[in-house]
Amino acid sequence: MSTKLETKGDWLQSWDPEDPQKWDSKLAWNTLAVTTFTLTLCFVAWFLPSAIVPKLNALGFDFTKEQLYWMAAMPGLSGGLLRLVWMVLPPKIGTRKMVTLTTLLLVLPVLGWGVEVTNPDVPYWRLMGLAFLSGIGGGAFSGFMASTSYFFPKRLQGTALGLQAGIGNFGVSLVQLLTPWLITFGMFGFLGSQQMTLAGKEPVVVWYQNSALVYLPFIIAGAIWAYIVLRSVPIKANIKQQFDIFGNQDTWWMTILYIMTFGTFSGLAAQFGLLMLNLYGAGNTDIVEGSGTTATILVEGYSLPDPVKFVFLGPLVGAGARVLFSPLTDRMGGAIWTLISGIGILGSILFTMPALTPDTSSAAALQGDFNQFLWGMLLIFLFSGIGNASTFKQMPMIFEKRQAGGVIGWTAAIAAFGPFLFGVGLTIMSPTTFYAIGAVWAVGCIAITWFRYARPGAPKPS
């Protein structure tokens, strides 16, 4: 049913999704369309460094492996910190202002990367600054998702939030998939071209600024669309009131669960390319001799994988799972799918771990390990995507409306540190040790889900 409701400025009056007389379904779905489009652009901006950083040295920059890990991790740190800001914005400034202004802010990192990637003399601190600004796109998620939860009745929130987050997550794959194609022609040739030199291959001319600048017209259009179409739901709460969620134990349990799901998705999406490069490409000294353009393959018959041909697959699988499984969570409940997600992530990690120490004794053994690594990673992305959908179904069922928005924002904020934690973890410890910690975390999440939410007679069935 669609109803024309009175508005006062940005704000709707007497809005109640659970009452058909006080809910405008057309406005709700139009809001979802606008915010999903702009959220996709937010994820593009957030994960733009993941498509650029692995290629910086090939473009003439000179950074160490640790510097590149830190640069890829920085958007996760800033995204998590900024989500703590965005989580309190929907009740304070409303959906319309929040989405419009956030979308405009994306111009800063996107334009910055488009310009700076053309100059190998740019100092490291400036690129780290751009990586931090990319976190604006990550911070937006907490505000966008909390806001969307206000527009839909509980019976549709699993589908609505799953569609928004899942399609928004496609922004990760979009930027990683389109970049190898966009850089092949001089769309923004006035900024010059670059020579990209990959190990064992002839240098090629590219226009890497295209990987960022192509999104600017869409960002401007999205901001204008948001300002024209969006309105705000009158759910008022000051910051002190919003923080009462921390007195509810389920806030902390759901935070732990969402770290397992979205923390894994975002962390692996940001580090997938560098991890592949360092395990199975020119970054692995067990496979190659030398570095950069002088690298020589030691295992005859083995072809170095180009990460850009594979990294988009993981986020694509994870985002697709979030979209496809969201309607199932509305029908079956979220807890059972969170349980399946935890078991699946645990099994996938255990399957992947042997491939984190590649066998370089022969080309066949090395290729076999790479295939296991790739399939294991895709399985982790699949089950994390399922869990992303199911946890967002659980939260509106566990908490009352005002708290649900705050919990969605908070859990999303903490899980957004995934890229940062994965980057730091893979810098200070071996991949095998890091994945083992992930397996232990998954075991704990399985136990929490079963005893608190999924078992017969659970305290909070959801």
Protein backbone atom coordinates (compact mmCIF):
# COMPACT_ATOMS: atom_id res chain seq x y z
CA MET A 1 0.00 0.00 0.00
CA SER A 2 1.27 3.48 -0.88
CA THR A 3 0.13 6.50 1.14
CA LYS A 4 0.97 10.17 0.72
CA LEU A 5 2.26 11.37 4.08
CA GLU A 6 2.75 14.91 5.30
CA THR A 7 6.27 16.26 5.47
CA LYS A 8 7.83 19.14 7.36
CA GLY A 9 11.03 20.18 5.66
CA ASP A 10 13.20 17.09 5.35
CA TRP A 11 11.17 15.20 7.94
CA LEU A 12 8.21 12.89 7.47
CA GLN A 13 5.36 13.19 9.97
CA SER A 14 3.69 10.25 11.81
CA TRP A 15 5.81 7.64 10.03
CA ASP A 16 5.27 4.04 11.21
CA PRO A 17 6.20 1.13 8.89
CA GLU A 18 4.22 -1.32 11.04
CA ASP A 19 1.01 0.67 10.37
CA PRO A 20 -0.09 0.58 6.69
CA GLN A 21 -1.86 3.92 7.16
CA LYS A 22 1.38 5.58 8.27
CA TRP A 23 3.76 3.93 5.80
CA ASP A 24 4.40 4.89 2.19
CA SER A 25 5.82 1.81 0.51
CA LYS A 26 6.70 3.70 -2.68
CA LEU A 27 8.76 6.22 -0.73
CA ALA A 28 10.45 3.41 1.21
CA TRP A 29 11.51 1.53 -1.92
CA ASN A 30 12.55 4.74 -3.71
CA THR A 31 14.68 5.58 -0.68
CA LEU A 32 16.24 2.13 -0.86
CA ALA A 33 17.04 2.64 -4.56
CA VAL A 34 18.76 6.00 -4.02
CA THR A 35 20.70 4.98 -0.93
CA THR A 36 21.76 1.67 -2.50
CA PHE A 37 23.15 3.47 -5.56
CA THR A 38 25.08 5.94 -3.43
CA LEU A 39 26.23 3.21 -1.02
CA THR A 40 27.69 1.33 -3.98
CA LEU A 41 29.73 4.43 -4.80
CA CYS A 42 30.80 4.58 -1.14
CA PHE A 43 32.20 1.06 -1.41
CA VAL A 44 33.92 2.01 -4.66
CA ALA A 45 35.69 4.85 -2.87
CA TRP A 46 36.47 2.69 0.19
CA PHE A 47 38.06 -0.12 -1.81
CA LEU A 48 39.65 1.97 -4.55
CA PRO A 49 43.05 1.61 -2.81
CA SER A 50 42.71 -2.19 -2.99
CA ALA A 51 42.69 -1.93 -6.80
CA ILE A 52 45.54 0.58 -6.95
CA VAL A 53 47.97 -0.31 -4.14
CA PRO A 54 49.07 -3.75 -5.48
CA LYS A 55 50.13 -2.06 -8.76
CA LEU A 56 51.96 0.98 -7.36
CA ASN A 57 55.46 -0.49 -7.60
CA ALA A 58 54.75 -1.70 -11.13
CA LEU A 59 53.88 1.91 -11.99
CA GLY A 60 57.24 3.19 -10.80
CA PHE A 61 56.64 3.76 -7.09
CA ASP A 62 59.10 2.23 -4.63
CA PHE A 63 57.38 0.92 -1.49
CA THR A 64 58.19 -2.05 0.72
CA LYS A 65 55.82 -4.98 1.23
CA GLU A 66 55.01 -3.69 4.71
CA GLN A 67 54.28 -0.17 3.44
CA LEU A 68 51.86 -1.56 0.86
CA TYR A 69 50.07 -3.70 3.48
CA TRP A 70 49.70 -0.64 5.70
CA MET A 71 48.40 1.47 2.83
CA ALA A 72 45.82 -1.18 1.94
CA ALA A 73 44.89 -1.45 5.62
CA MET A 74 44.44 2.29 6.28
CA PRO A 75 40.94 2.57 4.70
CA GLY A 76 39.81 -0.10 7.16
CA LEU A 77 41.13 1.88 10.13
CA SER A 78 39.53 5.13 9.01
CA GLY A 79 36.35 3.38 7.86
CA GLY A 80 35.89 1.85 11.29
CA LEU A 81 36.59 5.12 13.10
CA LEU A 82 34.29 7.10 10.82
CA ARG A 83 31.48 4.58 11.25
CA LEU A 84 31.45 5.55 14.91
CA VAL A 85 30.58 9.05 13.69
CA TRP A 86 28.09 8.05 10.99
CA MET A 87 26.20 5.68 13.31
CA VAL A 88 24.78 8.63 15.27
CA LEU A 89 23.91 10.81 12.26
CA PRO A 90 20.52 9.44 11.08
CA PRO A 91 18.50 10.65 14.09
CA LYS A 92 20.53 13.87 14.29
CA ILE A 93 20.51 15.20 10.71
CA GLY A 94 18.21 12.76 8.91
CA THR A 95 18.59 10.58 5.85
CA ARG A 96 18.40 13.34 3.24
CA LYS A 97 21.26 15.51 4.52
CA MET A 98 23.37 12.54 5.55
CA VAL A 99 23.27 10.76 2.20
CA THR A 100 23.65 13.91 0.11
CA LEU A 101 26.64 15.28 2.05
CA THR A 102 28.32 11.89 2.39
CA THR A 103 28.11 11.29 -1.35
CA LEU A 104 29.68 14.69 -2.06
CA LEU A 105 32.54 13.92 0.35
CA LEU A 106 33.50 10.94 -1.83
CA VAL A 107 34.92 13.43 -4.32
CA LEU A 108 37.92 14.00 -2.01
CA PRO A 109 39.50 10.50 -2.10
CA VAL A 110 38.38 9.65 -5.63
CA LEU A 111 39.77 12.82 -7.18
CA GLY A 112 42.89 12.55 -5.03
CA TRP A 113 43.73 9.01 -6.12
CA GLY A 114 43.05 9.89 -9.75
CA VAL A 115 45.62 12.67 -9.64
CA GLU A 116 48.29 11.21 -7.34
CA VAL A 117 48.56 7.79 -8.98
CA THR A 118 50.10 9.50 -12.02
CA ASN A 119 53.14 10.74 -10.08
CA PRO A 120 55.63 8.17 -8.65
CA ASP A 121 57.34 10.97 -6.72
CA VAL A 122 54.33 11.47 -4.44
CA PRO A 123 55.49 10.96 -0.83
CA TYR A 124 54.20 7.99 1.12
CA TRP A 125 52.40 10.14 3.69
CA ARG A 126 50.21 11.74 1.01
CA LEU A 127 49.05 8.38 -0.29
CA MET A 128 48.41 7.27 3.29
CA GLY A 129 46.30 10.39 3.69
CA LEU A 130 44.26 9.47 0.63
CA ALA A 131 43.89 5.93 1.96
CA PHE A 132 42.51 7.43 5.18
CA LEU A 133 40.04 9.62 3.24
CA SER A 134 38.87 6.54 1.33
CA GLY A 135 37.47 5.40 4.67
CA ILE A 136 34.68 7.99 4.25
CA GLY A 137 33.04 5.44 1.98
CA GLY A 138 33.34 2.82 4.69
CA GLY A 139 32.06 5.11 7.42
CA ALA A 140 28.89 5.82 5.44
CA PHE A 141 27.68 2.24 5.80
CA SER A 142 26.72 2.62 9.46
CA GLY A 143 24.59 5.67 8.75
CA PHE A 144 23.02 4.34 5.56
CA MET A 145 22.03 0.96 6.98
CA ALA A 146 20.70 2.33 10.27
CA SER A 147 18.66 4.86 8.31
CA THR A 148 17.21 2.21 5.97
CA SER A 149 16.04 0.15 8.93
CA TYR A 150 13.69 3.04 9.83
CA PHE A 151 11.86 2.87 6.50
CA PHE A 152 10.69 -0.78 6.45
CA PRO A 153 8.51 -3.03 8.63
CA LYS A 154 10.28 -5.85 10.41
CA ARG A 155 8.87 -8.45 8.00
CA LEU A 156 10.79 -6.78 5.13
CA GLN A 157 13.92 -5.59 6.88
CA GLY A 158 15.96 -8.69 6.09
CA THR A 159 15.26 -8.26 2.38
CA ALA A 160 15.67 -4.46 2.35
CA LEU A 161 18.90 -4.40 4.35
CA GLY A 162 20.25 -7.39 2.45
CA LEU A 163 19.58 -5.76 -0.91
CA GLN A 164 21.13 -2.48 0.14
CA ALA A 165 24.22 -3.97 1.76
CA GLY A 166 24.64 -6.71 -0.85
CA ILE A 167 24.34 -4.45 -3.87
CA GLY A 168 26.45 -1.86 -2.07
CA ASN A 169 29.10 -4.53 -1.50
CA PHE A 170 29.20 -5.02 -5.27
CA GLY A 171 31.05 -1.71 -5.33
CA VAL A 172 34.11 -3.65 -4.15
CA SER A 173 33.96 -6.01 -7.12
CA LEU A 174 33.04 -3.16 -9.45
CA VAL A 175 36.19 -1.20 -8.75
CA GLN A 176 38.40 -4.31 -8.84
CA LEU A 177 36.78 -5.72 -11.99
CA LEU A 178 36.65 -2.53 -14.05
CA THR A 179 40.11 -1.22 -13.18
CA PRO A 180 42.10 -3.57 -15.50
CA TRP A 181 39.87 -2.48 -18.41
CA LEU A 182 39.59 1.21 -17.58
CA ILE A 183 43.34 1.75 -17.49
CA THR A 184 43.81 0.57 -21.09
CA PHE A 185 42.74 3.75 -22.88
CA GLY A 186 43.36 7.47 -22.46
CA MET A 187 39.99 8.58 -21.08
CA PHE A 188 41.71 11.23 -18.95
CA GLY A 189 44.83 11.46 -21.07
CA PHE A 190 45.42 15.10 -20.19
CA LEU A 191 47.00 13.79 -16.94
CA GLY A 192 49.49 11.77 -18.97
CA SER A 193 50.10 8.03 -19.16
CA GLN A 194 52.18 5.60 -17.11
CA GLN A 195 54.34 2.62 -17.95
CA MET A 196 53.39 -0.48 -16.00
CA THR A 197 56.04 -3.17 -15.71
CA LEU A 198 55.04 -6.58 -14.35
CA ALA A 199 57.43 -9.45 -13.57
CA GLY A 200 58.20 -11.53 -16.64
CA LYS A 201 56.16 -9.32 -18.98
CA GLU A 202 56.83 -6.50 -21.40
CA PRO A 203 56.06 -2.98 -20.13
CA VAL A 204 52.66 -1.63 -21.18
CA VAL A 205 51.28 1.91 -21.34
CA VAL A 206 48.32 2.52 -19.01
CA TRP A 207 46.20 5.41 -17.76
CA TYR A 208 45.70 4.47 -14.13
CA GLN A 209 43.95 7.74 -13.28
CA ASN A 210 40.90 6.32 -15.09
CA SER A 211 40.42 3.79 -12.27
CA ALA A 212 39.30 6.64 -10.00
CA LEU A 213 38.18 9.59 -12.10
CA VAL A 214 35.55 7.66 -14.05
CA TYR A 215 33.34 7.56 -10.93
CA LEU A 216 33.21 11.33 -10.36
CA PRO A 217 30.17 12.01 -12.63
CA PHE A 218 28.23 9.23 -10.89
CA ILE A 219 29.11 10.65 -7.48
CA ILE A 220 27.82 14.11 -8.44
CA ALA A 221 24.66 12.61 -9.98
CA GLY A 222 24.08 10.48 -6.87
CA ALA A 223 24.31 13.49 -4.57
CA ILE A 224 21.80 15.45 -6.65
CA TRP A 225 19.43 12.46 -6.82
CA ALA A 226 19.62 12.02 -3.05
CA TYR A 227 18.85 15.68 -2.37
CA ILE A 228 15.78 15.62 -4.65
CA VAL A 229 14.24 12.29 -3.65
CA LEU A 230 15.09 11.55 -0.03
CA ARG A 231 13.23 12.47 3.14
CA SER A 232 13.99 11.68 6.79
CA VAL A 233 12.20 9.56 9.39
CA PRO A 234 11.45 11.38 12.67
CA ILE A 235 13.26 9.08 15.05
CA LYS A 236 14.89 11.46 17.47
CA ALA A 237 17.58 10.47 19.92
CA ASN A 238 20.50 12.36 21.37
CA ILE A 239 23.92 10.76 21.50
CA LYS A 240 23.55 9.75 25.16
CA GLN A 241 20.26 7.99 24.39
CA GLN A 242 21.80 6.18 21.42
CA PHE A 243 24.58 4.82 23.62
CA ASP A 244 22.17 2.91 25.83
CA ILE A 245 22.67 -0.01 23.45
CA PHE A 246 25.88 -0.81 25.31
CA GLY A 247 23.92 -1.89 28.35
CA ASN A 248 22.36 -4.71 26.34
CA GLN A 249 24.48 -7.87 26.21
CA ASP A 250 23.17 -8.75 22.74
CA THR A 251 24.92 -5.66 21.36
CA TRP A 252 28.23 -7.30 22.24
CA TRP A 253 27.29 -10.78 21.04
CA MET A 254 26.12 -9.43 17.69
CA THR A 255 29.29 -7.35 17.39
CA ILE A 256 31.38 -10.50 17.76
CA LEU A 257 29.27 -12.28 15.14
CA TYR A 258 29.44 -9.40 12.66
CA ILE A 259 33.22 -9.23 13.03
CA MET A 260 33.24 -12.86 11.85
CA THR A 261 31.06 -12.09 8.83
CA PHE A 262 31.62 -8.54 7.59
CA GLY A 263 35.02 -8.20 9.22
CA THR A 264 36.13 -11.23 7.22
CA PHE A 265 34.48 -10.00 4.02
CA SER A 266 35.96 -6.51 4.16
CA GLY A 267 39.35 -7.63 5.45
CA LEU A 268 39.87 -10.24 2.76
CA ALA A 269 38.47 -7.95 0.05
CA ALA A 270 41.08 -5.33 0.91
CA GLN A 271 44.03 -7.71 1.24
CA PHE A 272 43.16 -10.45 -1.28
CA GLY A 273 45.34 -9.02 -4.06
CA LEU A 274 48.41 -8.43 -1.90
CA LEU A 275 48.05 -11.81 -0.19
CA MET A 276 47.86 -13.59 -3.55
CA LEU A 277 50.82 -11.62 -4.85
CA ASN A 278 52.95 -12.41 -1.82
CA LEU A 279 52.05 -16.10 -1.69
CA TYR A 280 51.91 -17.01 -5.37
CA GLY A 281 53.33 -14.06 -7.28
CA ALA A 282 56.35 -11.81 -7.54
CA GLY A 283 56.17 -10.95 -3.85
CA ASN A 284 57.12 -14.51 -2.83
CA THR A 285 60.89 -15.01 -2.72
CA ASP A 286 60.38 -18.80 -2.74
CA ILE A 287 58.97 -18.51 -6.25
CA VAL A 288 60.94 -15.64 -7.77
CA GLU A 289 64.44 -14.30 -7.55
CA GLY A 290 65.03 -10.56 -7.36
CA SER A 291 62.22 -8.04 -7.23
CA GLY A 292 60.15 -5.76 -9.40
CA THR A 293 61.03 -5.78 -13.11
CA THR A 294 64.07 -8.08 -12.64
CA ALA A 295 62.16 -10.93 -11.00
CA THR A 296 62.98 -14.34 -12.44
CA ILE A 297 60.66 -17.32 -12.12
CA LEU A 298 62.39 -20.19 -10.31
CA VAL A 299 59.70 -22.84 -10.78
CA GLU A 300 59.70 -23.61 -14.49
CA GLY A 301 56.29 -24.09 -16.06
CA TYR A 302 54.46 -22.04 -13.42
CA SER A 303 52.83 -18.81 -14.55
CA LEU A 304 52.68 -15.96 -12.04
CA PRO A 305 49.03 -15.06 -11.42
CA ASP A 306 47.93 -11.48 -12.03
CA PRO A 307 45.90 -10.59 -8.91
CA VAL A 308 43.65 -8.14 -10.78
CA LYS A 309 42.20 -11.08 -12.73
CA PHE A 310 41.03 -12.80 -9.55
CA VAL A 311 40.54 -10.35 -6.68
CA PHE A 312 37.12 -9.14 -7.83
CA LEU A 313 35.72 -12.69 -7.61
CA GLY A 314 35.80 -12.83 -3.80
CA PRO A 315 33.78 -9.66 -3.14
CA LEU A 316 31.47 -10.60 -6.02
CA VAL A 317 30.69 -13.96 -4.42
CA GLY A 318 30.27 -12.42 -0.95
CA ALA A 319 28.02 -9.59 -2.14
CA GLY A 320 25.95 -11.96 -4.27
CA ALA A 321 25.43 -14.28 -1.31
CA ARG A 322 24.25 -11.36 0.81
CA VAL A 323 21.63 -10.41 -1.78
CA LEU A 324 20.44 -13.93 -2.60
CA PHE A 325 20.19 -15.19 0.98
CA SER A 326 18.46 -12.11 2.43
CA PRO A 327 14.92 -13.23 1.41
CA LEU A 328 15.67 -16.64 2.95
CA THR A 329 16.50 -15.00 6.26
CA ASP A 330 13.09 -13.27 6.20
CA ARG A 331 11.40 -16.64 5.71
CA MET A 332 13.54 -18.84 7.96
CA GLY A 333 14.99 -16.41 10.47
CA GLY A 334 18.54 -15.09 10.67
CA ALA A 335 19.98 -17.22 13.47
CA ILE A 336 19.99 -20.50 11.56
CA TRP A 337 21.83 -18.89 8.65
CA THR A 338 24.35 -17.24 10.97
CA LEU A 339 25.03 -20.70 12.38
CA ILE A 340 25.51 -22.09 8.86
CA SER A 341 27.75 -19.13 8.05
CA GLY A 342 30.00 -19.78 11.05
CA ILE A 343 30.33 -23.49 10.29
CA GLY A 344 31.02 -22.70 6.63
CA ILE A 345 33.67 -20.08 7.44
CA LEU A 346 35.40 -22.47 9.83
CA GLY A 347 35.45 -25.28 7.27
CA SER A 348 36.65 -22.94 4.52
CA ILE A 349 39.50 -21.59 6.65
CA LEU A 350 40.67 -25.11 7.48
CA PHE A 351 40.49 -26.02 3.79
CA THR A 352 42.54 -22.96 2.80
CA MET A 353 45.26 -23.13 5.44
CA PRO A 354 47.47 -25.79 3.78
CA ALA A 355 47.65 -23.57 0.67
CA LEU A 356 49.11 -20.70 2.70
CA THR A 357 52.50 -22.42 2.52
CA PRO A 358 52.88 -23.09 -1.23
CA ASP A 359 54.74 -26.21 -2.36
CA THR A 360 57.45 -24.94 -4.74
CA SER A 361 58.88 -28.37 -5.55
CA SER A 362 57.20 -28.43 -8.97
CA ALA A 363 54.97 -26.36 -11.20
CA ALA A 364 52.13 -28.88 -10.81
CA ALA A 365 52.31 -28.79 -7.00
CA LEU A 366 52.46 -25.00 -6.96
CA GLN A 367 49.53 -24.68 -9.35
CA GLY A 368 47.54 -27.16 -7.27
CA ASP A 369 48.15 -25.15 -4.12
CA PHE A 370 47.13 -21.96 -5.91
CA ASN A 371 43.87 -23.54 -7.03
CA GLN A 372 43.15 -24.68 -3.46
CA PHE A 373 43.97 -21.20 -2.16
CA LEU A 374 41.65 -19.54 -4.68
CA TRP A 375 38.71 -21.90 -4.09
CA GLY A 376 39.19 -21.74 -0.33
CA MET A 377 39.12 -17.95 -0.40
CA LEU A 378 35.97 -17.92 -2.51
CA LEU A 379 34.28 -20.26 -0.04
CA ILE A 380 35.19 -17.95 2.83
CA PHE A 381 33.68 -15.04 0.90
CA LEU A 382 30.53 -17.09 0.20
CA PHE A 383 29.84 -17.96 3.83
CA SER A 384 30.77 -14.50 5.10
CA GLY A 385 28.23 -13.06 2.65
CA ILE A 386 25.53 -15.39 3.98
CA GLY A 387 26.39 -14.29 7.51
CA ASN A 388 26.27 -10.62 6.53
CA ALA A 389 22.67 -11.11 5.43
CA SER A 390 21.60 -13.17 8.43
CA THR A 391 23.07 -10.95 11.15
CA PHE A 392 21.30 -7.92 9.70
CA LYS A 393 18.05 -9.85 9.84
CA GLN A 394 18.69 -10.75 13.47
CA MET A 395 19.37 -7.26 14.80
CA PRO A 396 15.95 -5.69 14.01
CA MET A 397 14.33 -8.79 15.54
CA ILE A 398 16.39 -8.69 18.75
CA PHE A 399 16.27 -4.94 19.46
CA GLU A 400 13.48 -2.36 19.53
CA LYS A 401 13.41 0.08 16.60
CA ARG A 402 15.56 2.93 17.95
CA GLN A 403 18.14 0.58 19.41
CA ALA A 404 18.21 -1.60 16.29
CA GLY A 405 19.47 1.30 14.18
CA GLY A 406 22.18 2.07 16.73
CA VAL A 407 23.26 -1.57 17.01
CA ILE A 408 23.42 -1.90 13.22
CA GLY A 409 25.62 1.19 13.11
CA TRP A 410 27.85 0.06 15.99
CA THR A 411 28.41 -3.51 14.79
CA ALA A 412 29.09 -2.23 11.28
CA ALA A 413 31.60 0.25 12.68
CA ILE A 414 33.61 -2.35 14.56
CA ALA A 415 33.53 -4.87 11.71
CA ALA A 416 34.77 -2.16 9.34
CA PHE A 417 38.16 -2.42 11.03
CA GLY A 418 38.49 -5.72 9.13
CA PRO A 419 40.77 -4.35 6.37
CA PHE A 420 42.99 -2.71 8.98
CA LEU A 421 43.18 -5.75 11.27
CA PHE A 422 43.84 -8.08 8.35
CA GLY A 423 46.55 -5.77 7.05
CA VAL A 424 48.25 -5.51 10.45
CA GLY A 425 47.83 -9.23 11.12
CA LEU A 426 49.38 -10.24 7.80
CA THR A 427 52.24 -7.80 8.44
CA ILE A 428 53.22 -8.99 11.93
CA MET A 429 52.50 -12.73 11.64
CA SER A 430 52.43 -15.49 9.07
CA PRO A 431 49.23 -16.06 7.06
CA THR A 432 48.91 -19.52 8.63
CA THR A 433 48.96 -18.12 12.16
CA PHE A 434 46.50 -15.38 11.22
CA TYR A 435 44.08 -17.86 9.66
CA ALA A 436 44.36 -20.12 12.72
CA ILE A 437 43.21 -17.21 14.88
CA GLY A 438 40.31 -16.76 12.47
CA ALA A 439 39.36 -20.43 12.89
CA VAL A 440 39.30 -20.09 16.69
CA TRP A 441 37.14 -16.96 16.37
CA ALA A 442 34.70 -18.87 14.14
CA VAL A 443 34.41 -21.65 16.73
CA GLY A 444 33.48 -19.09 19.38
CA CYS A 445 30.90 -17.49 17.07
CA ILE A 446 29.30 -20.86 16.34
CA ALA A 447 28.90 -21.44 20.08
CA ILE A 448 27.42 -17.97 20.68
CA THR A 449 24.94 -18.34 17.82
CA TRP A 450 23.77 -21.77 18.95
CA PHE A 451 23.33 -21.06 22.65
CA ARG A 452 22.01 -17.49 22.41
CA TYR A 453 19.97 -17.42 19.21
CA ALA A 454 19.55 -20.66 17.23
CA ARG A 455 18.89 -23.59 19.57
CA PRO A 456 15.38 -24.62 20.65
CA GLY A 457 14.46 -22.49 23.66
CA ALA A 458 17.23 -19.94 22.95
CA PRO A 459 16.98 -16.72 25.02
CA LYS A 460 16.75 -14.53 21.88
CA PRO A 461 15.46 -16.57 18.91
CA SER A 462 15.93 -14.50 15.79
